[in-house]
Structure formats: C-alpha cells, structure tokens
Amino acid sequence: MSTANHSEVIQTFWKQWVDAIHSKDLEKAMKLFDLDASITFQSPAVNKEYKNPLEIMTLLKNVVDIVIGFHYTEIYTTHSPALSPLPPGIMKTPNPNEIGLAIVFQGKVQDRKTNKLYDIEGIDLFTLNAATGKATKLKVMLRPMRAFLAFMGQMQYRLQQQSPQMMSPKSKL
C-alpha cells in the first residue's frame, strides 16, 4: 500500500474516531475496530489486555466519562517517508500491512478521595489494518503520575461497580 493510501486510511480513521469519542458515540467507535480479527485493548489502569468488544466498549465509555474536557491535541503516524527505511536494529521495522497511529489527548481528572482536579495527558496508540482501515490494537498511556493515579482510582471504582470480573487481581489497590 502506498504512502498516499496510508494517508487516506489515517485521515478517515482519525476523523471518525475523534468524532465518535467527542460525541460519546461508543457504538460508532467500536465499528472502527476490526472485530473479525483478534483485537486487543491495553489500559494502564487495569494491567491486563482486553479482547472482548463489550469490555473494550465499557472501558472506553468510562474513559470519556472520567476525563473531564477530553479532547485530542496532536496526531502522529509510523508511516512517515522521512523515517523509511529505518536503520537495522534501531527499532521494529513497520509491518507494511499495519499502520501505527498515535493520538494525543488532554483533559482533567478528579481524585475520588480529595476531589482535587489534575491535568491529564495521554496517548492512544493504535495499530490499524492498512487494507481495511480498522483498528486491531489500542494501547493507552497516561501521565503525569498524580493524574494517572486519580484516573486509576476512578476507573477501578467504576469497574468494581459495573463489571467486577473485568478487574485483574494485580489492578486492585
């Protein structure tokens, strides 16, 4: 697939993703995942990989509810002509059938115990199927530590109320 086609896939995916998340239309967001493939979602708040679409939708719904003023600020992709080809041994050579996409987001999160608000920043790291334009993997990273801990407390509280089976033993505080 050409760089131009990759650009189209990226543009289409990220516009649909941002629209779905900002409008809190999680069904629309889930349609952007390749449900025929083995999709994975990794959340920093629960230390486990999720593959069940209903669990992924539960996590995404909680994220958009927990992060106050959630908004995307930047976008990056692995398929930049300036980086190809990569020198051997520096980093993983991109799979030509996959597109790596990182979308930076910001907002605020409230600590459940102190009610203090913290600025939070995160990255949604997607792996897209280049042929279908659908996501096969989503990994979320969050910072800074205080905001992450406040987020984690909120997420764990919600999951314990909604779906205790989604909590891994490692993730309980």
C-alpha atoms as a PDB file:
ATOM      1  CA  MET A   1       0.000   0.000   0.000  1.00  0.00           C
ATOM      2  CA  SER A   2       1.346   3.410  -0.915  1.00  0.00           C
ATOM      3  CA  THR A   3       2.038   6.260   1.470  1.00  0.00           C
ATOM      4  CA  ALA A   4      -0.860   8.161  -0.160  1.00  0.00           C
ATOM      5  CA  ASN A   5      -3.233   5.290   0.636  1.00  0.00           C
ATOM      6  CA  HIS A   6      -1.884   5.150   4.172  1.00  0.00           C
ATOM      7  CA  SER A   7      -2.595   8.864   4.496  1.00  0.00           C
ATOM      8  CA  GLU A   8      -6.195   8.302   3.384  1.00  0.00           C
ATOM      9  CA  VAL A   9      -6.629   5.431   5.848  1.00  0.00           C
ATOM     10  CA  ILE A  10      -5.205   7.563   8.664  1.00  0.00           C
ATOM     11  CA  GLN A  11      -7.314  10.633   7.794  1.00  0.00           C
ATOM     12  CA  THR A  12     -10.525   8.605   7.562  1.00  0.00           C
ATOM     13  CA  PHE A  13      -9.861   6.636  10.757  1.00  0.00           C
ATOM     14  CA  TRP A  14      -8.801   9.516  12.984  1.00  0.00           C
ATOM     15  CA  LYS A  15     -11.631  11.809  11.868  1.00  0.00           C
ATOM     16  CA  GLN A  16     -14.201   9.070  12.544  1.00  0.00           C
ATOM     17  CA  TRP A  17     -12.532   8.146  15.851  1.00  0.00           C
ATOM     18  CA  VAL A  18     -12.343  11.719  17.140  1.00  0.00           C
ATOM     19  CA  ASP A  19     -15.955  12.353  16.106  1.00  0.00           C
ATOM     20  CA  ALA A  20     -17.162   9.182  17.843  1.00  0.00           C
ATOM     21  CA  ILE A  21     -15.242   9.854  21.068  1.00  0.00           C
ATOM     22  CA  HIS A  22     -16.114  13.563  21.281  1.00  0.00           C
ATOM     23  CA  SER A  23     -19.797  12.778  20.702  1.00  0.00           C
ATOM     24  CA  LYS A  24     -19.548   9.836  23.160  1.00  0.00           C
ATOM     25  CA  ASP A  25     -20.957   7.515  20.479  1.00  0.00           C
ATOM     26  CA  LEU A  26     -19.201   4.340  21.603  1.00  0.00           C
ATOM     27  CA  GLU A  27     -21.088   2.106  19.182  1.00  0.00           C
ATOM     28  CA  LYS A  28     -19.700   4.227  16.348  1.00  0.00           C
ATOM     29  CA  ALA A  29     -16.223   3.990  17.890  1.00  0.00           C
ATOM     30  CA  MET A  30     -16.455   0.202  18.171  1.00  0.00           C
ATOM     31  CA  LYS A  31     -17.279  -0.044  14.439  1.00  0.00           C
ATOM     32  CA  LEU A  32     -13.759   1.283  13.818  1.00  0.00           C
ATOM     33  CA  PHE A  33     -12.249  -1.879  15.353  1.00  0.00           C
ATOM     34  CA  ASP A  34     -11.631  -4.962  13.250  1.00  0.00           C
ATOM     35  CA  LEU A  35     -13.974  -7.258  15.157  1.00  0.00           C
ATOM     36  CA  ASP A  36     -13.153 -10.145  12.795  1.00  0.00           C
ATOM     37  CA  ALA A  37      -9.515 -10.016  13.873  1.00  0.00           C
ATOM     38  CA  SER A  38      -8.135 -10.583  17.327  1.00  0.00           C
ATOM     39  CA  ILE A  39      -8.458  -7.037  18.665  1.00  0.00           C
ATOM     40  CA  THR A  40      -6.668  -6.003  21.840  1.00  0.00           C
ATOM     41  CA  PHE A  41      -7.043  -3.073  24.196  1.00  0.00           C
ATOM     42  CA  GLN A  42      -4.455  -2.326  26.855  1.00  0.00           C
ATOM     43  CA  SER A  43      -5.327   0.048  29.672  1.00  0.00           C
ATOM     44  CA  PRO A  44      -2.820   1.345  32.204  1.00  0.00           C
ATOM     45  CA  ALA A  45      -5.479   1.347  34.920  1.00  0.00           C
ATOM     46  CA  VAL A  46      -6.162  -2.383  34.963  1.00  0.00           C
ATOM     47  CA  ASN A  47      -2.896  -4.124  33.937  1.00  0.00           C
ATOM     48  CA  LYS A  48      -4.493  -6.566  31.564  1.00  0.00           C
ATOM     49  CA  GLU A  49      -5.168  -6.961  27.866  1.00  0.00           C
ATOM     50  CA  TYR A  50      -8.817  -6.939  26.785  1.00  0.00           C
ATOM     51  CA  LYS A  51     -10.072  -8.747  23.690  1.00  0.00           C
ATOM     52  CA  ASN A  52     -13.831  -8.791  24.311  1.00  0.00           C
ATOM     53  CA  PRO A  53     -15.557  -5.961  22.379  1.00  0.00           C
ATOM     54  CA  LEU A  54     -18.130  -5.398  25.156  1.00  0.00           C
ATOM     55  CA  GLU A  55     -15.380  -4.991  27.738  1.00  0.00           C
ATOM     56  CA  ILE A  56     -13.494  -2.617  25.433  1.00  0.00           C
ATOM     57  CA  MET A  57     -16.652  -0.537  24.992  1.00  0.00           C
ATOM     58  CA  THR A  58     -17.132  -0.437  28.788  1.00  0.00           C
ATOM     59  CA  LEU A  59     -13.566   0.828  29.236  1.00  0.00           C
ATOM     60  CA  LEU A  60     -13.924   3.462  26.517  1.00  0.00           C
ATOM     61  CA  LYS A  61     -17.205   4.709  27.975  1.00  0.00           C
ATOM     62  CA  ASN A  62     -15.574   5.081  31.372  1.00  0.00           C
ATOM     63  CA  VAL A  63     -12.591   6.933  29.899  1.00  0.00           C
ATOM     64  CA  VAL A  64     -14.766   9.556  28.217  1.00  0.00           C
ATOM     65  CA  ASP A  65     -16.810   9.911  31.423  1.00  0.00           C
ATOM     66  CA  ILE A  66     -13.788  10.131  33.759  1.00  0.00           C
ATOM     67  CA  VAL A  67     -11.651  12.580  31.750  1.00  0.00           C
ATOM     68  CA  ILE A  68     -13.321  15.970  32.073  1.00  0.00           C
ATOM     69  CA  GLY A  69     -12.991  18.101  28.952  1.00  0.00           C
ATOM     70  CA  PHE A  70     -11.476  15.202  26.997  1.00  0.00           C
ATOM     71  CA  HIS A  71     -10.031  16.491  23.726  1.00  0.00           C
ATOM     72  CA  TYR A  72      -7.425  15.434  21.190  1.00  0.00           C
ATOM     73  CA  THR A  73      -4.472  17.726  20.511  1.00  0.00           C
ATOM     74  CA  GLU A  74      -1.950  16.001  18.194  1.00  0.00           C
ATOM     75  CA  ILE A  75      -1.600  13.072  15.826  1.00  0.00           C
ATOM     76  CA  TYR A  76       1.471  11.037  14.785  1.00  0.00           C
ATOM     77  CA  THR A  77       1.929   8.065  12.472  1.00  0.00           C
ATOM     78  CA  THR A  78       4.644   5.446  11.898  1.00  0.00           C
ATOM     79  CA  HIS A  79       4.395   5.745   8.140  1.00  0.00           C
ATOM     80  CA  SER A  80       6.423   8.858   7.552  1.00  0.00           C
ATOM     81  CA  PRO A  81       8.550   8.845   4.381  1.00  0.00           C
ATOM     82  CA  ALA A  82      11.314  10.610   6.315  1.00  0.00           C
ATOM     83  CA  LEU A  83      11.691   7.539   8.568  1.00  0.00           C
ATOM     84  CA  SER A  84      11.719   4.861   5.883  1.00  0.00           C
ATOM     85  CA  PRO A  85      13.685   2.728   5.714  1.00  0.00           C
ATOM     86  CA  LEU A  86      14.705   2.522   9.348  1.00  0.00           C
ATOM     87  CA  PRO A  87      18.294   1.639  10.199  1.00  0.00           C
ATOM     88  CA  PRO A  88      18.545  -2.026  11.255  1.00  0.00           C
ATOM     89  CA  GLY A  89      18.463  -2.646  14.986  1.00  0.00           C
ATOM     90  CA  ILE A  90      17.179   0.835  15.880  1.00  0.00           C
ATOM     91  CA  MET A  91      13.547  -0.136  16.231  1.00  0.00           C
ATOM     92  CA  LYS A  92      10.986  -2.568  14.909  1.00  0.00           C
ATOM     93  CA  THR A  93      10.560  -2.235  11.157  1.00  0.00           C
ATOM     94  CA  PRO A  94       6.943  -1.316  10.455  1.00  0.00           C
ATOM     95  CA  ASN A  95       4.775  -4.086   9.042  1.00  0.00           C
ATOM     96  CA  PRO A  96       3.603  -2.890   5.590  1.00  0.00           C
ATOM     97  CA  ASN A  97       0.138  -4.311   6.366  1.00  0.00           C
ATOM     98  CA  GLU A  98      -0.173  -2.200   9.514  1.00  0.00           C
ATOM     99  CA  ILE A  99      -0.265   1.496  10.229  1.00  0.00           C
ATOM    100  CA  GLY A 100       0.815   2.845  13.607  1.00  0.00           C
ATOM    101  CA  LEU A 101      -1.130   5.859  14.799  1.00  0.00           C
ATOM    102  CA  ALA A 102      -0.734   7.899  17.984  1.00  0.00           C
ATOM    103  CA  ILE A 103      -3.329  10.472  19.011  1.00  0.00           C
ATOM    104  CA  VAL A 104      -2.502  12.702  21.995  1.00  0.00           C
ATOM    105  CA  PHE A 105      -5.342  13.768  24.283  1.00  0.00           C
ATOM    106  CA  GLN A 106      -5.766  16.054  27.285  1.00  0.00           C
ATOM    107  CA  GLY A 107      -8.334  16.844  29.926  1.00  0.00           C
ATOM    108  CA  LYS A 108      -8.752  16.835  33.676  1.00  0.00           C
ATOM    109  CA  VAL A 109      -9.388  14.055  36.135  1.00  0.00           C
ATOM    110  CA  GLN A 110     -10.799  14.341  39.652  1.00  0.00           C
ATOM    111  CA  ASP A 111      -9.316  12.434  42.559  1.00  0.00           C
ATOM    112  CA  ARG A 112     -12.128  10.466  44.261  1.00  0.00           C
ATOM    113  CA  LYS A 113     -10.665  10.939  47.756  1.00  0.00           C
ATOM    114  CA  THR A 114      -9.637  14.605  47.696  1.00  0.00           C
ATOM    115  CA  ASN A 115     -11.850  15.944  44.866  1.00  0.00           C
ATOM    116  CA  LYS A 116      -8.750  17.723  43.549  1.00  0.00           C
ATOM    117  CA  LEU A 117      -8.603  18.169  39.763  1.00  0.00           C
ATOM    118  CA  TYR A 118      -5.447  17.219  37.884  1.00  0.00           C
ATOM    119  CA  ASP A 119      -4.452  17.939  34.298  1.00  0.00           C
ATOM    120  CA  ILE A 120      -4.054  14.655  32.452  1.00  0.00           C
ATOM    121  CA  GLU A 121      -2.407  13.881  29.150  1.00  0.00           C
ATOM    122  CA  GLY A 122      -2.461  10.603  27.312  1.00  0.00           C
ATOM    123  CA  ILE A 123      -1.772   8.854  24.078  1.00  0.00           C
ATOM    124  CA  ASP A 124      -4.000   6.424  22.223  1.00  0.00           C
ATOM    125  CA  LEU A 125      -1.626   4.125  20.321  1.00  0.00           C
ATOM    126  CA  PHE A 126      -3.463   2.371  17.514  1.00  0.00           C
ATOM    127  CA  THR A 127      -2.426  -0.373  15.149  1.00  0.00           C
ATOM    128  CA  LEU A 128      -4.561  -0.165  12.015  1.00  0.00           C
ATOM    129  CA  ASN A 129      -5.027  -2.809   9.351  1.00  0.00           C
ATOM    130  CA  ALA A 130      -3.781  -0.984   6.240  1.00  0.00           C
ATOM    131  CA  ALA A 131      -6.219  -2.817   3.944  1.00  0.00           C
ATOM    132  CA  THR A 132      -9.412  -2.317   5.971  1.00  0.00           C
ATOM    133  CA  GLY A 133      -8.579   0.886   7.863  1.00  0.00           C
ATOM    134  CA  LYS A 134      -9.857  -0.752  11.061  1.00  0.00           C
ATOM    135  CA  ALA A 135      -8.034  -0.827  14.392  1.00  0.00           C
ATOM    136  CA  THR A 136      -6.647  -4.152  15.566  1.00  0.00           C
ATOM    137  CA  LYS A 137      -4.965  -2.817  18.701  1.00  0.00           C
ATOM    138  CA  LEU A 138      -5.326   0.129  21.066  1.00  0.00           C
ATOM    139  CA  LYS A 139      -2.900   0.835  23.886  1.00  0.00           C
ATOM    140  CA  VAL A 140      -3.457   3.835  26.161  1.00  0.00           C
ATOM    141  CA  MET A 141      -0.716   5.628  28.087  1.00  0.00           C
ATOM    142  CA  LEU A 142      -1.329   8.366  30.667  1.00  0.00           C
ATOM    143  CA  ARG A 143       0.697  10.972  32.527  1.00  0.00           C
ATOM    144  CA  PRO A 144       1.591  12.643  34.904  1.00  0.00           C
ATOM    145  CA  MET A 145       1.664  10.211  37.822  1.00  0.00           C
ATOM    146  CA  ARG A 146      -0.765  12.099  40.116  1.00  0.00           C
ATOM    147  CA  ALA A 147      -3.333  12.376  37.333  1.00  0.00           C
ATOM    148  CA  PHE A 148      -2.776   8.739  36.385  1.00  0.00           C
ATOM    149  CA  LEU A 149      -3.367   7.633  39.981  1.00  0.00           C
ATOM    150  CA  ALA A 150      -6.550   9.721  40.181  1.00  0.00           C
ATOM    151  CA  PHE A 151      -7.697   8.230  36.855  1.00  0.00           C
ATOM    152  CA  MET A 152      -6.850   4.730  38.024  1.00  0.00           C
ATOM    153  CA  GLY A 153      -8.858   5.216  41.215  1.00  0.00           C
ATOM    154  CA  GLN A 154     -11.871   6.427  39.219  1.00  0.00           C
ATOM    155  CA  MET A 155     -11.631   3.586  36.674  1.00  0.00           C
ATOM    156  CA  GLN A 156     -11.221   0.883  39.287  1.00  0.00           C
ATOM    157  CA  TYR A 157     -14.147   2.221  41.327  1.00  0.00           C
ATOM    158  CA  ARG A 158     -16.382   2.256  38.239  1.00  0.00           C
ATOM    159  CA  LEU A 159     -15.331  -1.214  37.087  1.00  0.00           C
ATOM    160  CA  GLN A 160     -15.877  -2.673  40.547  1.00  0.00           C
ATOM    161  CA  GLN A 161     -19.426  -1.251  40.425  1.00  0.00           C
ATOM    162  CA  GLN A 162     -20.158  -2.177  36.791  1.00  0.00           C
ATOM    163  CA  SER A 163     -18.156  -5.308  35.977  1.00  0.00           C
ATOM    164  CA  PRO A 164     -16.037  -6.763  38.797  1.00  0.00           C
ATOM    165  CA  GLN A 165     -14.954  -9.627  36.513  1.00  0.00           C
ATOM    166  CA  MET A 166     -13.042  -7.118  34.370  1.00  0.00           C
ATOM    167  CA  MET A 167     -10.643  -6.341  37.201  1.00  0.00           C
ATOM    168  CA  SER A 168      -7.433  -8.339  37.262  1.00  0.00           C
ATOM    169  CA  PRO A 169      -6.038  -9.268  40.699  1.00  0.00           C
ATOM    170  CA  LYS A 170      -2.941  -7.090  40.029  1.00  0.00           C
ATOM    171  CA  SER A 171      -5.005  -3.987  39.363  1.00  0.00           C
ATOM    172  CA  LYS A 172      -6.839  -3.759  42.668  1.00  0.00           C
ATOM    173  CA  LEU A 173      -5.493  -1.114  45.020  1.00  0.00           C
END
